Amino acid sequence: MFNLTGAITGAVTTPLDVIKTRLMVQGSTKQYTGICHCVNTILREEGSSAFFRGMGPRVLWIGIGGSIFFGVLEKTKQTIMADSRMYVLPPSWDFWYPDTGIDL
């Protein structure tokens, strides 16, 4: 199972991640004066393809990581719901779940 929407999002936001990373790692050298300067410098010195460097690993990381996250989330929800069916609440506890349609 692969988290397709997460992978697409990772691909689309890769240029933003490249800009953010360049600004973060410049340290005290202050190679870039701001976001626009960073974008212009990358375009001028490395070309537009530089904005998509590392897209493959990023897409795989987000796609696989999202699949694991949502898989664990769904299994946890199923486990909690299965456990909650074993317990019967006394009628006086109905005020906690007023007409929500949740069968405990």
C-alpha atoms as a PDB file:
ATOM      1  CA  MET A   1       0.000   0.000   0.000  1.00  0.00           C
ATOM      2  CA  PHE A   2       1.312   3.416  -0.939  1.00  0.00           C
ATOM      3  CA  ASN A   3       0.017   6.815   0.148  1.00  0.00           C
ATOM      4  CA  LEU A   4      -0.522   8.338  -3.308  1.00  0.00           C
ATOM      5  CA  THR A   5      -1.849  11.706  -2.150  1.00  0.00           C
ATOM      6  CA  GLY A   6       1.074  12.111   0.229  1.00  0.00           C
ATOM      7  CA  ALA A   7       3.490  11.249  -2.569  1.00  0.00           C
ATOM      8  CA  ILE A   8       1.887  13.800  -4.898  1.00  0.00           C
ATOM      9  CA  THR A   9       2.027  16.423  -2.178  1.00  0.00           C
ATOM     10  CA  GLY A  10       5.690  15.602  -1.597  1.00  0.00           C
ATOM     11  CA  ALA A  11       6.451  16.038  -5.293  1.00  0.00           C
ATOM     12  CA  VAL A  12       4.568  19.331  -5.566  1.00  0.00           C
ATOM     13  CA  THR A  13       6.187  20.835  -2.477  1.00  0.00           C
ATOM     14  CA  THR A  14       9.743  19.711  -3.263  1.00  0.00           C
ATOM     15  CA  PRO A  15      10.785  23.128  -4.644  1.00  0.00           C
ATOM     16  CA  LEU A  16       9.613  24.783  -1.426  1.00  0.00           C
ATOM     17  CA  ASP A  17      11.553  22.234   0.591  1.00  0.00           C
ATOM     18  CA  VAL A  18      14.703  22.930  -1.446  1.00  0.00           C
ATOM     19  CA  ILE A  19      14.372  26.668  -0.773  1.00  0.00           C
ATOM     20  CA  LYS A  20      13.726  26.090   2.930  1.00  0.00           C
ATOM     21  CA  THR A  21      16.696  23.750   3.235  1.00  0.00           C
ATOM     22  CA  ARG A  22      19.050  26.142   1.458  1.00  0.00           C
ATOM     23  CA  LEU A  23      17.999  28.979   3.747  1.00  0.00           C
ATOM     24  CA  MET A  24      18.399  26.808   6.842  1.00  0.00           C
ATOM     25  CA  VAL A  25      21.858  25.436   6.060  1.00  0.00           C
ATOM     26  CA  GLN A  26      23.423  28.746   5.044  1.00  0.00           C
ATOM     27  CA  GLY A  27      24.188  29.439   8.705  1.00  0.00           C
ATOM     28  CA  SER A  28      26.027  32.625   9.504  1.00  0.00           C
ATOM     29  CA  THR A  29      27.505  32.936   5.998  1.00  0.00           C
ATOM     30  CA  LYS A  30      24.280  34.606   4.832  1.00  0.00           C
ATOM     31  CA  GLN A  31      24.637  33.394   1.264  1.00  0.00           C
ATOM     32  CA  TYR A  32      21.030  34.435   0.632  1.00  0.00           C
ATOM     33  CA  THR A  33      19.393  37.650   1.818  1.00  0.00           C
ATOM     34  CA  GLY A  34      15.857  36.252   1.624  1.00  0.00           C
ATOM     35  CA  ILE A  35      13.503  33.885  -0.160  1.00  0.00           C
ATOM     36  CA  CYS A  36      13.415  35.792  -3.471  1.00  0.00           C
ATOM     37  CA  HIS A  37      17.204  36.124  -3.515  1.00  0.00           C
ATOM     38  CA  CYS A  38      17.508  32.396  -2.808  1.00  0.00           C
ATOM     39  CA  VAL A  39      15.140  31.503  -5.686  1.00  0.00           C
ATOM     40  CA  ASN A  40      16.889  33.853  -8.123  1.00  0.00           C
ATOM     41  CA  THR A  41      20.352  32.601  -7.160  1.00  0.00           C
ATOM     42  CA  ILE A  42      19.356  28.950  -7.567  1.00  0.00           C
ATOM     43  CA  LEU A  43      17.762  29.675 -10.954  1.00  0.00           C
ATOM     44  CA  ARG A  44      20.750  31.673 -12.184  1.00  0.00           C
ATOM     45  CA  GLU A  45      23.523  29.371 -10.929  1.00  0.00           C
ATOM     46  CA  GLU A  46      21.962  25.891 -11.126  1.00  0.00           C
ATOM     47  CA  GLY A  47      18.868  26.130 -13.308  1.00  0.00           C
ATOM     48  CA  SER A  48      15.270  25.186 -12.612  1.00  0.00           C
ATOM     49  CA  SER A  49      16.080  21.476 -12.264  1.00  0.00           C
ATOM     50  CA  ALA A  50      17.805  22.262  -8.949  1.00  0.00           C
ATOM     51  CA  PHE A  51      14.397  22.830  -7.380  1.00  0.00           C
ATOM     52  CA  PHE A  52      13.524  19.176  -7.984  1.00  0.00           C
ATOM     53  CA  ARG A  53      16.676  17.578  -6.615  1.00  0.00           C
ATOM     54  CA  GLY A  54      15.870  14.931  -4.078  1.00  0.00           C
ATOM     55  CA  MET A  55      12.265  14.568  -5.234  1.00  0.00           C
ATOM     56  CA  GLY A  56      12.520  10.765  -5.606  1.00  0.00           C
ATOM     57  CA  PRO A  57      13.579  10.029  -2.026  1.00  0.00           C
ATOM     58  CA  ARG A  58      11.148  12.654  -0.692  1.00  0.00           C
ATOM     59  CA  VAL A  59       8.204  11.114  -2.573  1.00  0.00           C
ATOM     60  CA  LEU A  60       9.125   7.612  -1.382  1.00  0.00           C
ATOM     61  CA  TRP A  61       9.643   8.784   2.212  1.00  0.00           C
ATOM     62  CA  ILE A  62       6.318  10.610   2.406  1.00  0.00           C
ATOM     63  CA  GLY A  63       4.421   7.932   0.470  1.00  0.00           C
ATOM     64  CA  ILE A  64       5.656   5.007   2.537  1.00  0.00           C
ATOM     65  CA  GLY A  65       5.581   6.959   5.812  1.00  0.00           C
ATOM     66  CA  GLY A  66       1.996   8.054   5.194  1.00  0.00           C
ATOM     67  CA  SER A  67       0.976   4.467   4.455  1.00  0.00           C
ATOM     68  CA  ILE A  68       2.478   3.265   7.720  1.00  0.00           C
ATOM     69  CA  PHE A  69       0.867   6.116   9.654  1.00  0.00           C
ATOM     70  CA  PHE A  70      -2.612   5.608   8.228  1.00  0.00           C
ATOM     71  CA  GLY A  71      -2.322   1.818   8.506  1.00  0.00           C
ATOM     72  CA  VAL A  72      -1.464   2.056  12.203  1.00  0.00           C
ATOM     73  CA  LEU A  73      -4.205   4.659  12.724  1.00  0.00           C
ATOM     74  CA  GLU A  74      -6.881   2.437  11.169  1.00  0.00           C
ATOM     75  CA  LYS A  75      -5.743  -0.652  13.099  1.00  0.00           C
ATOM     76  CA  THR A  76      -5.740   1.337  16.340  1.00  0.00           C
ATOM     77  CA  LYS A  77      -9.256   2.619  15.666  1.00  0.00           C
ATOM     78  CA  GLN A  78     -10.466  -0.937  14.941  1.00  0.00           C
ATOM     79  CA  THR A  79      -8.861  -2.240  18.132  1.00  0.00           C
ATOM     80  CA  ILE A  80     -10.367   0.521  20.266  1.00  0.00           C
ATOM     81  CA  MET A  81     -13.825   0.039  18.766  1.00  0.00           C
ATOM     82  CA  ALA A  82     -13.644  -3.750  19.242  1.00  0.00           C
ATOM     83  CA  ASP A  83     -12.605  -3.297  22.884  1.00  0.00           C
ATOM     84  CA  SER A  84     -15.317  -0.727  23.550  1.00  0.00           C
ATOM     85  CA  ARG A  85     -18.031  -3.175  22.461  1.00  0.00           C
ATOM     86  CA  MET A  86     -17.087  -5.467  25.347  1.00  0.00           C
ATOM     87  CA  TYR A  87     -18.155  -2.906  27.932  1.00  0.00           C
ATOM     88  CA  VAL A  88     -21.731  -1.923  28.643  1.00  0.00           C
ATOM     89  CA  LEU A  89     -22.285   1.451  30.224  1.00  0.00           C
ATOM     90  CA  PRO A  90     -25.013   1.843  32.810  1.00  0.00           C
ATOM     91  CA  PRO A  91     -28.077   3.835  31.638  1.00  0.00           C
ATOM     92  CA  SER A  92     -27.092   6.753  33.865  1.00  0.00           C
ATOM     93  CA  TRP A  93     -24.082   7.348  31.606  1.00  0.00           C
ATOM     94  CA  ASP A  94     -26.216   8.165  28.569  1.00  0.00           C
ATOM     95  CA  PHE A  95     -25.690  11.878  29.078  1.00  0.00           C
ATOM     96  CA  TRP A  96     -22.050  11.460  27.966  1.00  0.00           C
ATOM     97  CA  TYR A  97     -23.143  10.319  24.496  1.00  0.00           C
ATOM     98  CA  PRO A  98     -26.428  12.119  23.758  1.00  0.00           C
ATOM     99  CA  ASP A  99     -27.922  11.037  20.417  1.00  0.00           C
ATOM    100  CA  THR A 100     -24.592  10.710  18.676  1.00  0.00           C
ATOM    101  CA  GLY A 101     -25.508   7.464  16.995  1.00  0.00           C
ATOM    102  CA  ILE A 102     -22.521   5.787  18.601  1.00  0.00           C
ATOM    103  CA  ASP A 103     -23.354   2.297  19.802  1.00  0.00           C
ATOM    104  CA  LEU A 104     -21.136   1.357  22.686  1.00  0.00           C
END
